[in-house]
All heavy atoms as atom14 arrays in JSON, in Angstrom:
{
  "sequence": "GIVMVVHGADVLLGADHLKVFMMVLCLAADRANTAVDPDGDL",
  "atom14_mask": [
    [1, 1, 1, 1, 0, 0, 0, 0, 0, 0, 0, 0, 0, 0],
    [1, 1, 1, 1, 1, 1, 1, 1, 0, 0, 0, 0, 0, 0],
    [1, 1, 1, 1, 1, 1, 1, 0, 0, 0, 0, 0, 0, 0],
    [1, 1, 1, 1, 1, 1, 1, 1, 0, 0, 0, 0, 0, 0],
    [1, 1, 1, 1, 1, 1, 1, 0, 0, 0, 0, 0, 0, 0],
    [1, 1, 1, 1, 1, 1, 1, 0, 0, 0, 0, 0, 0, 0],
    [1, 1, 1, 1, 1, 1, 1, 1, 1, 1, 0, 0, 0, 0],
    [1, 1, 1, 1, 0, 0, 0, 0, 0, 0, 0, 0, 0, 0],
    [1, 1, 1, 1, 1, 0, 0, 0, 0, 0, 0, 0, 0, 0],
    [1, 1, 1, 1, 1, 1, 1, 1, 0, 0, 0, 0, 0, 0],
    [1, 1, 1, 1, 1, 1, 1, 0, 0, 0, 0, 0, 0, 0],
    [1, 1, 1, 1, 1, 1, 1, 1, 0, 0, 0, 0, 0, 0],
    [1, 1, 1, 1, 1, 1, 1, 1, 0, 0, 0, 0, 0, 0],
    [1, 1, 1, 1, 0, 0, 0, 0, 0, 0, 0, 0, 0, 0],
    [1, 1, 1, 1, 1, 0, 0, 0, 0, 0, 0, 0, 0, 0],
    [1, 1, 1, 1, 1, 1, 1, 1, 0, 0, 0, 0, 0, 0],
    [1, 1, 1, 1, 1, 1, 1, 1, 1, 1, 0, 0, 0, 0],
    [1, 1, 1, 1, 1, 1, 1, 1, 0, 0, 0, 0, 0, 0],
    [1, 1, 1, 1, 1, 1, 1, 1, 1, 0, 0, 0, 0, 0],
    [1, 1, 1, 1, 1, 1, 1, 0, 0, 0, 0, 0, 0, 0],
    [1, 1, 1, 1, 1, 1, 1, 1, 1, 1, 1, 0, 0, 0],
    [1, 1, 1, 1, 1, 1, 1, 1, 0, 0, 0, 0, 0, 0],
    [1, 1, 1, 1, 1, 1, 1, 1, 0, 0, 0, 0, 0, 0],
    [1, 1, 1, 1, 1, 1, 1, 0, 0, 0, 0, 0, 0, 0],
    [1, 1, 1, 1, 1, 1, 1, 1, 0, 0, 0, 0, 0, 0],
    [1, 1, 1, 1, 1, 1, 0, 0, 0, 0, 0, 0, 0, 0],
    [1, 1, 1, 1, 1, 1, 1, 1, 0, 0, 0, 0, 0, 0],
    [1, 1, 1, 1, 1, 0, 0, 0, 0, 0, 0, 0, 0, 0],
    [1, 1, 1, 1, 1, 0, 0, 0, 0, 0, 0, 0, 0, 0],
    [1, 1, 1, 1, 1, 1, 1, 1, 0, 0, 0, 0, 0, 0],
    [1, 1, 1, 1, 1, 1, 1, 1, 1, 1, 1, 0, 0, 0],
    [1, 1, 1, 1, 1, 0, 0, 0, 0, 0, 0, 0, 0, 0],
    [1, 1, 1, 1, 1, 1, 1, 1, 0, 0, 0, 0, 0, 0],
    [1, 1, 1, 1, 1, 1, 1, 0, 0, 0, 0, 0, 0, 0],
    [1, 1, 1, 1, 1, 0, 0, 0, 0, 0, 0, 0, 0, 0],
    [1, 1, 1, 1, 1, 1, 1, 0, 0, 0, 0, 0, 0, 0],
    [1, 1, 1, 1, 1, 1, 1, 1, 0, 0, 0, 0, 0, 0],
    [1, 1, 1, 1, 1, 1, 1, 0, 0, 0, 0, 0, 0, 0],
    [1, 1, 1, 1, 1, 1, 1, 1, 0, 0, 0, 0, 0, 0],
    [1, 1, 1, 1, 0, 0, 0, 0, 0, 0, 0, 0, 0, 0],
    [1, 1, 1, 1, 1, 1, 1, 1, 0, 0, 0, 0, 0, 0],
    [1, 1, 1, 1, 1, 1, 1, 1, 0, 0, 0, 0, 0, 0]
  ],
  "atom14_positions": [
    [[0.82, -1.2, 0.0], [0.0, 0.0, 0.0], [0.86, 1.25, 0.0], [1.97, 1.26, 0.53], [0.0, 0.0, 0.0], [0.0, 0.0, 0.0], [0.0, 0.0, 0.0], [0.0, 0.0, 0.0], [0.0, 0.0, 0.0], [0.0, 0.0, 0.0], [0.0, 0.0, 0.0], [0.0, 0.0, 0.0], [0.0, 0.0, 0.0], [0.0, 0.0, 0.0]],
    [[0.35, 2.31, -0.6], [1.11, 3.55, -0.68], [0.4, 4.68, 0.05], [-0.78, 4.57, 0.38], [1.38, 3.97, -2.14], [0.07, 4.26, -2.87], [2.17, 2.9, -2.88], [0.27, 4.9, -4.22], [0.0, 0.0, 0.0], [0.0, 0.0, 0.0], [0.0, 0.0, 0.0], [0.0, 0.0, 0.0], [0.0, 0.0, 0.0], [0.0, 0.0, 0.0]],
    [[1.11, 5.75, 0.29], [0.6, 6.95, 0.92], [0.8, 8.1, -0.05], [1.88, 8.27, -0.58], [1.36, 7.24, 2.24], [0.89, 8.55, 2.86], [1.2, 6.08, 3.21], [0.0, 0.0, 0.0], [0.0, 0.0, 0.0], [0.0, 0.0, 0.0], [0.0, 0.0, 0.0], [0.0, 0.0, 0.0], [0.0, 0.0, 0.0], [0.0, 0.0, 0.0]],
    [[-0.24, 8.88, -0.28], [-0.13, 10.09, -1.1], [0.19, 11.24, -0.15], [-0.54, 11.48, 0.8], [-1.43, 10.36, -1.83], [-1.92, 9.22, -2.72], [-0.92, 8.94, -4.16], [-1.44, 10.28, -5.19], [0.0, 0.0, 0.0], [0.0, 0.0, 0.0], [0.0, 0.0, 0.0], [0.0, 0.0, 0.0], [0.0, 0.0, 0.0], [0.0, 0.0, 0.0]],
    [[1.28, 11.97, -0.41], [1.72, 13.06, 0.46], [1.46, 14.4, -0.22], [1.84, 14.6, -1.37], [3.23, 12.92, 0.8], [3.69, 14.08, 1.67], [3.49, 11.58, 1.48], [0.0, 0.0, 0.0], [0.0, 0.0, 0.0], [0.0, 0.0, 0.0], [0.0, 0.0, 0.0], [0.0, 0.0, 0.0], [0.0, 0.0, 0.0], [0.0, 0.0, 0.0]],
    [[0.82, 15.32, 0.52], [0.56, 16.68, 0.03], [1.43, 17.62, 0.86], [1.21, 17.8, 2.06], [-0.93, 17.06, 0.18], [-1.17, 18.48, -0.29], [-1.81, 16.07, -0.56], [0.0, 0.0, 0.0], [0.0, 0.0, 0.0], [0.0, 0.0, 0.0], [0.0, 0.0, 0.0], [0.0, 0.0, 0.0], [0.0, 0.0, 0.0], [0.0, 0.0, 0.0]],
    [[2.46, 18.2, 0.23], [3.36, 19.12, 0.9], [2.76, 20.53, 0.92], [2.05, 20.92, 0.01], [4.71, 19.18, 0.16], [5.48, 17.91, 0.23], [6.35, 17.63, 1.25], [5.49, 16.83, -0.58], [6.87, 16.44, 1.05], [6.36, 15.93, -0.05], [0.0, 0.0, 0.0], [0.0, 0.0, 0.0], [0.0, 0.0, 0.0], [0.0, 0.0, 0.0]],
    [[3.05, 21.3, 1.95], [2.58, 22.69, 2.03], [1.07, 22.81, 2.02], [0.51, 23.73, 1.44], [0.0, 0.0, 0.0], [0.0, 0.0, 0.0], [0.0, 0.0, 0.0], [0.0, 0.0, 0.0], [0.0, 0.0, 0.0], [0.0, 0.0, 0.0], [0.0, 0.0, 0.0], [0.0, 0.0, 0.0], [0.0, 0.0, 0.0], [0.0, 0.0, 0.0]],
    [[0.4, 21.89, 2.69], [-1.07, 21.84, 2.66], [-1.73, 23.0, 3.39], [-2.94, 23.18, 3.28], [-1.55, 20.52, 3.23], [0.0, 0.0, 0.0], [0.0, 0.0, 0.0], [0.0, 0.0, 0.0], [0.0, 0.0, 0.0], [0.0, 0.0, 0.0], [0.0, 0.0, 0.0], [0.0, 0.0, 0.0], [0.0, 0.0, 0.0], [0.0, 0.0, 0.0]],
    [[-0.95, 23.82, 4.09], [-1.5, 24.96, 4.82], [-2.38, 25.84, 3.93], [-3.42, 26.32, 4.37], [-0.38, 25.87, 5.36], [0.64, 25.12, 6.17], [1.4, 24.35, 5.57], [0.66, 25.32, 7.38], [0.0, 0.0, 0.0], [0.0, 0.0, 0.0], [0.0, 0.0, 0.0], [0.0, 0.0, 0.0], [0.0, 0.0, 0.0], [0.0, 0.0, 0.0]],
    [[-1.95, 26.04, 2.69], [-2.67, 26.96, 1.8], [-4.07, 26.47, 1.48], [-4.92, 27.25, 1.08], [-1.88, 27.21, 0.49], [-0.56, 27.88, 0.78], [-1.68, 25.93, -0.29], [0.0, 0.0, 0.0], [0.0, 0.0, 0.0], [0.0, 0.0, 0.0], [0.0, 0.0, 0.0], [0.0, 0.0, 0.0], [0.0, 0.0, 0.0], [0.0, 0.0, 0.0]],
    [[-4.33, 25.2, 1.68], [-5.66, 24.65, 1.4], [-6.69, 25.05, 2.45], [-7.89, 25.02, 2.18], [-5.6, 23.13, 1.31], [-4.75, 22.55, 0.2], [-4.65, 21.04, 0.34], [-5.33, 22.92, -1.15], [0.0, 0.0, 0.0], [0.0, 0.0, 0.0], [0.0, 0.0, 0.0], [0.0, 0.0, 0.0], [0.0, 0.0, 0.0], [0.0, 0.0, 0.0]],
    [[-6.23, 25.4, 3.65], [-7.15, 25.69, 4.75], [-8.13, 26.8, 4.42], [-9.28, 26.73, 4.8], [-6.38, 26.01, 6.03], [-7.22, 26.12, 7.31], [-8.02, 24.84, 7.53], [-6.35, 26.41, 8.5], [0.0, 0.0, 0.0], [0.0, 0.0, 0.0], [0.0, 0.0, 0.0], [0.0, 0.0, 0.0], [0.0, 0.0, 0.0], [0.0, 0.0, 0.0]],
    [[-7.72, 27.79, 3.67], [-8.62, 28.88, 3.32], [-9.43, 28.65, 2.06], [-10.22, 29.5, 1.68], [0.0, 0.0, 0.0], [0.0, 0.0, 0.0], [0.0, 0.0, 0.0], [0.0, 0.0, 0.0], [0.0, 0.0, 0.0], [0.0, 0.0, 0.0], [0.0, 0.0, 0.0], [0.0, 0.0, 0.0], [0.0, 0.0, 0.0], [0.0, 0.0, 0.0]],
    [[-9.27, 27.51, 1.42], [-9.98, 27.24, 0.16], [-11.48, 27.11, 0.4], [-11.92, 26.54, 1.4], [-9.44, 25.97, -0.48], [0.0, 0.0, 0.0], [0.0, 0.0, 0.0], [0.0, 0.0, 0.0], [0.0, 0.0, 0.0], [0.0, 0.0, 0.0], [0.0, 0.0, 0.0], [0.0, 0.0, 0.0], [0.0, 0.0, 0.0], [0.0, 0.0, 0.0]],
    [[-12.27, 27.64, -0.54], [-13.73, 27.6, -0.42], [-14.28, 26.17, -0.39], [-15.28, 25.91, 0.25], [-14.38, 28.36, -1.58], [-14.16, 29.85, -1.5], [-13.9, 30.36, -0.39], [-14.24, 30.51, -2.55], [0.0, 0.0, 0.0], [0.0, 0.0, 0.0], [0.0, 0.0, 0.0], [0.0, 0.0, 0.0], [0.0, 0.0, 0.0], [0.0, 0.0, 0.0]],
    [[-13.63, 25.28, -1.1], [-14.17, 23.93, -1.26], [-13.21, 22.87, -0.7], [-13.05, 21.8, -1.27], [-14.47, 23.64, -2.72], [-15.44, 24.62, -3.31], [-16.76, 24.66, -2.93], [-15.27, 25.62, -4.2], [-17.38, 25.62, -3.6], [-16.49, 26.22, -4.38], [0.0, 0.0, 0.0], [0.0, 0.0, 0.0], [0.0, 0.0, 0.0], [0.0, 0.0, 0.0]],
    [[-12.61, 23.16, 0.45], [-11.66, 22.22, 1.04], [-12.29, 20.86, 1.32], [-11.72, 19.82, 1.0], [-11.06, 22.8, 2.31], [-10.09, 21.89, 3.07], [-8.92, 21.5, 2.18], [-9.61, 22.57, 4.34], [0.0, 0.0, 0.0], [0.0, 0.0, 0.0], [0.0, 0.0, 0.0], [0.0, 0.0, 0.0], [0.0, 0.0, 0.0], [0.0, 0.0, 0.0]],
    [[-13.51, 20.86, 1.89], [-14.16, 19.58, 2.19], [-14.44, 18.8, 0.91], [-14.3, 17.58, 0.88], [-15.45, 19.8, 2.97], [-15.21, 20.23, 4.4], [-16.52, 20.39, 5.14], [-16.28, 20.89, 6.55], [-17.52, 21.05, 7.3], [0.0, 0.0, 0.0], [0.0, 0.0, 0.0], [0.0, 0.0, 0.0], [0.0, 0.0, 0.0], [0.0, 0.0, 0.0]],
    [[-14.83, 19.49, -0.14], [-15.09, 18.82, -1.42], [-13.79, 18.22, -1.97], [-13.76, 17.08, -2.44], [-15.72, 19.79, -2.44], [-15.82, 19.15, -3.82], [-17.08, 20.25, -1.96], [0.0, 0.0, 0.0], [0.0, 0.0, 0.0], [0.0, 0.0, 0.0], [0.0, 0.0, 0.0], [0.0, 0.0, 0.0], [0.0, 0.0, 0.0], [0.0, 0.0, 0.0]],
    [[-12.7, 18.98, -1.89], [-11.4, 18.49, -2.34], [-11.01, 17.22, -1.57], [-10.59, 16.23, -2.16], [-10.34, 19.58, -2.15], [-8.94, 19.13, -2.41], [-8.51, 18.84, -3.7], [-8.03, 19.0, -1.37], [-7.21, 18.43, -3.94], [-6.73, 18.6, -1.61], [-6.33, 18.3, -2.9], [0.0, 0.0, 0.0], [0.0, 0.0, 0.0], [0.0, 0.0, 0.0]],
    [[-11.17, 17.26, -0.26], [-10.82, 16.1, 0.56], [-11.69, 14.9, 0.2], [-11.21, 13.78, 0.1], [-10.97, 16.44, 2.05], [-10.11, 17.59, 2.5], [-8.37, 17.3, 2.3], [-8.09, 16.26, 3.69], [0.0, 0.0, 0.0], [0.0, 0.0, 0.0], [0.0, 0.0, 0.0], [0.0, 0.0, 0.0], [0.0, 0.0, 0.0], [0.0, 0.0, 0.0]],
    [[-12.97, 15.14, -0.02], [-13.88, 14.05, -0.36], [-13.53, 13.47, -1.72], [-13.55, 12.24, -1.9], [-15.32, 14.56, -0.36], [-16.33, 13.45, -0.53], [-16.32, 12.25, 0.81], [-16.87, 13.25, 2.15], [0.0, 0.0, 0.0], [0.0, 0.0, 0.0], [0.0, 0.0, 0.0], [0.0, 0.0, 0.0], [0.0, 0.0, 0.0], [0.0, 0.0, 0.0]],
    [[-13.17, 14.31, -2.69], [-12.78, 13.81, -4.02], [-11.55, 12.93, -3.91], [-11.49, 11.85, -4.52], [-12.54, 14.99, -5.0], [-11.84, 14.52, -6.26], [-13.87, 15.66, -5.35], [0.0, 0.0, 0.0], [0.0, 0.0, 0.0], [0.0, 0.0, 0.0], [0.0, 0.0, 0.0], [0.0, 0.0, 0.0], [0.0, 0.0, 0.0], [0.0, 0.0, 0.0]],
    [[-10.55, 13.34, -3.14], [-9.37, 12.51, -2.94], [-9.74, 11.16, -2.34], [-9.31, 10.11, -2.81], [-8.36, 13.21, -2.05], [-7.65, 14.45, -2.59], [-6.72, 15.01, -1.52], [-6.9, 14.14, -3.86], [0.0, 0.0, 0.0], [0.0, 0.0, 0.0], [0.0, 0.0, 0.0], [0.0, 0.0, 0.0], [0.0, 0.0, 0.0], [0.0, 0.0, 0.0]],
    [[-10.54, 11.2, -1.31], [-10.93, 9.96, -0.63], [-11.79, 9.07, -1.52], [-11.59, 7.85, -1.56], [-11.66, 10.28, 0.66], [-10.63, 11.02, 1.93], [0.0, 0.0, 0.0], [0.0, 0.0, 0.0], [0.0, 0.0, 0.0], [0.0, 0.0, 0.0], [0.0, 0.0, 0.0], [0.0, 0.0, 0.0], [0.0, 0.0, 0.0], [0.0, 0.0, 0.0]],
    [[-12.74, 9.65, -2.23], [-13.59, 8.85, -3.12], [-12.79, 8.25, -4.26], [-13.02, 7.1, -4.65], [-14.74, 9.71, -3.67], [-15.84, 10.02, -2.68], [-16.78, 11.08, -3.27], [-16.61, 8.78, -2.31], [0.0, 0.0, 0.0], [0.0, 0.0, 0.0], [0.0, 0.0, 0.0], [0.0, 0.0, 0.0], [0.0, 0.0, 0.0], [0.0, 0.0, 0.0]],
    [[-11.87, 9.03, -4.82], [-11.05, 8.51, -5.92], [-10.2, 7.34, -5.43], [-10.08, 6.31, -6.12], [-10.17, 9.61, -6.49], [0.0, 0.0, 0.0], [0.0, 0.0, 0.0], [0.0, 0.0, 0.0], [0.0, 0.0, 0.0], [0.0, 0.0, 0.0], [0.0, 0.0, 0.0], [0.0, 0.0, 0.0], [0.0, 0.0, 0.0], [0.0, 0.0, 0.0]],
    [[-9.61, 7.47, -4.26], [-8.81, 6.38, -3.71], [-9.69, 5.16, -3.43], [-9.32, 4.04, -3.77], [-8.11, 6.83, -2.42], [0.0, 0.0, 0.0], [0.0, 0.0, 0.0], [0.0, 0.0, 0.0], [0.0, 0.0, 0.0], [0.0, 0.0, 0.0], [0.0, 0.0, 0.0], [0.0, 0.0, 0.0], [0.0, 0.0, 0.0], [0.0, 0.0, 0.0]],
    [[-10.86, 5.38, -2.87], [-11.76, 4.28, -2.58], [-12.19, 3.58, -3.86], [-12.2, 2.35, -3.94], [-12.99, 4.79, -1.82], [-13.92, 3.67, -1.45], [-13.54, 2.83, -0.6], [-15.04, 3.61, -2.0], [0.0, 0.0, 0.0], [0.0, 0.0, 0.0], [0.0, 0.0, 0.0], [0.0, 0.0, 0.0], [0.0, 0.0, 0.0], [0.0, 0.0, 0.0]],
    [[-12.52, 4.35, -4.87], [-12.97, 3.78, -6.15], [-11.83, 2.98, -6.79], [-12.05, 1.89, -7.31], [-13.44, 4.89, -7.08], [-13.85, 4.43, -8.46], [-15.11, 3.57, -8.39], [-15.5, 3.19, -9.72], [-15.19, 2.02, -10.28], [-14.5, 1.13, -9.61], [-15.59, 1.74, -11.49], [0.0, 0.0, 0.0], [0.0, 0.0, 0.0], [0.0, 0.0, 0.0]],
    [[-10.62, 3.5, -6.74], [-9.49, 2.76, -7.3], [-9.24, 1.47, -6.54], [-8.86, 0.46, -7.13], [-8.23, 3.64, -7.28], [0.0, 0.0, 0.0], [0.0, 0.0, 0.0], [0.0, 0.0, 0.0], [0.0, 0.0, 0.0], [0.0, 0.0, 0.0], [0.0, 0.0, 0.0], [0.0, 0.0, 0.0], [0.0, 0.0, 0.0], [0.0, 0.0, 0.0]],
    [[-9.48, 1.49, -5.25], [-9.25, 0.31, -4.42], [-10.34, -0.75, -4.57], [-10.13, -1.91, -4.27], [-9.15, 0.69, -2.95], [-7.82, 1.34, -2.64], [-6.82, 1.01, -3.22], [-7.83, 2.28, -1.72], [0.0, 0.0, 0.0], [0.0, 0.0, 0.0], [0.0, 0.0, 0.0], [0.0, 0.0, 0.0], [0.0, 0.0, 0.0], [0.0, 0.0, 0.0]],
    [[-11.53, -0.33, -4.99], [-12.64, -1.27, -5.07], [-13.2, -1.41, -6.47], [-14.35, -1.79, -6.66], [-13.78, -0.84, -4.11], [-14.21, 0.47, -4.48], [-13.33, -0.87, -2.68], [0.0, 0.0, 0.0], [0.0, 0.0, 0.0], [0.0, 0.0, 0.0], [0.0, 0.0, 0.0], [0.0, 0.0, 0.0], [0.0, 0.0, 0.0], [0.0, 0.0, 0.0]],
    [[-12.38, -1.13, -7.47], [-12.83, -1.23, -8.86], [-13.24, -2.66, -9.19], [-12.73, -3.61, -8.62], [-11.73, -0.76, -9.81], [0.0, 0.0, 0.0], [0.0, 0.0, 0.0], [0.0, 0.0, 0.0], [0.0, 0.0, 0.0], [0.0, 0.0, 0.0], [0.0, 0.0, 0.0], [0.0, 0.0, 0.0], [0.0, 0.0, 0.0], [0.0, 0.0, 0.0]],
    [[-14.15, -2.78, -10.13], [-14.63, -4.11, -10.53], [-14.02, -4.52, -11.86], [-13.62, -3.68, -12.67], [-16.17, -4.13, -10.64], [-16.8, -3.89, -9.28], [-16.67, -3.11, -11.65], [0.0, 0.0, 0.0], [0.0, 0.0, 0.0], [0.0, 0.0, 0.0], [0.0, 0.0, 0.0], [0.0, 0.0, 0.0], [0.0, 0.0, 0.0], [0.0, 0.0, 0.0]],
    [[-13.96, -5.82, -12.08], [-13.46, -6.33, -13.35], [-14.6, -6.31, -14.37], [-15.73, -5.96, -14.04], [-12.85, -7.72, -13.17], [-13.87, -8.78, -12.78], [-15.09, -8.58, -13.0], [-13.45, -9.83, -12.27], [0.0, 0.0, 0.0], [0.0, 0.0, 0.0], [0.0, 0.0, 0.0], [0.0, 0.0, 0.0], [0.0, 0.0, 0.0], [0.0, 0.0, 0.0]],
    [[-14.33, -6.69, -15.64], [-15.38, -6.64, -16.66], [-16.61, -7.49, -16.34], [-17.69, -7.25, -16.87], [-14.67, -7.15, -17.92], [-13.24, -6.81, -17.7], [-13.03, -6.98, -16.22], [0.0, 0.0, 0.0], [0.0, 0.0, 0.0], [0.0, 0.0, 0.0], [0.0, 0.0, 0.0], [0.0, 0.0, 0.0], [0.0, 0.0, 0.0], [0.0, 0.0, 0.0]],
    [[-16.48, -8.5, -15.48], [-17.62, -9.34, -15.1], [-18.44, -8.73, -13.97], [-19.45, -9.3, -13.56], [-17.14, -10.73, -14.67], [-16.49, -11.48, -15.82], [-16.95, -11.34, -16.96], [-15.51, -12.2, -15.55], [0.0, 0.0, 0.0], [0.0, 0.0, 0.0], [0.0, 0.0, 0.0], [0.0, 0.0, 0.0], [0.0, 0.0, 0.0], [0.0, 0.0, 0.0]],
    [[-18.01, -7.6, -13.44], [-18.73, -6.96, -12.35], [-18.3, -7.42, -10.98], [-18.9, -7.05, -9.98], [0.0, 0.0, 0.0], [0.0, 0.0, 0.0], [0.0, 0.0, 0.0], [0.0, 0.0, 0.0], [0.0, 0.0, 0.0], [0.0, 0.0, 0.0], [0.0, 0.0, 0.0], [0.0, 0.0, 0.0], [0.0, 0.0, 0.0], [0.0, 0.0, 0.0]],
    [[-17.28, -8.27, -10.91], [-16.78, -8.74, -9.63], [-15.65, -7.83, -9.16], [-14.91, -7.27, -9.97], [-16.23, -10.17, -9.76], [-17.31, -11.16, -10.17], [-18.44, -11.04, -9.66], [-17.02, -12.03, -11.02], [0.0, 0.0, 0.0], [0.0, 0.0, 0.0], [0.0, 0.0, 0.0], [0.0, 0.0, 0.0], [0.0, 0.0, 0.0], [0.0, 0.0, 0.0]],
    [[-15.51, -7.72, -7.84], [-14.38, -6.95, -7.31], [-13.09, -7.6, -7.77], [-12.95, -8.82, -7.76], [-14.41, -6.91, -5.79], [-15.45, -6.01, -5.16], [-15.39, -6.15, -3.64], [-15.24, -4.57, -5.55], [0.0, 0.0, 0.0], [0.0, 0.0, 0.0], [0.0, 0.0, 0.0], [0.0, 0.0, 0.0], [0.0, 0.0, 0.0], [0.0, 0.0, 0.0]]
  ]
}
């Protein structure tokens, strides 16, 4: 397993859509981790 590192993340704190950004990262990682094969199986 790997870790994605975001350097200098301080600047994100004032972003209007910080929660959306965090959710997109998490959802993308989750989707990549649970992708299905062509038969629809994990």
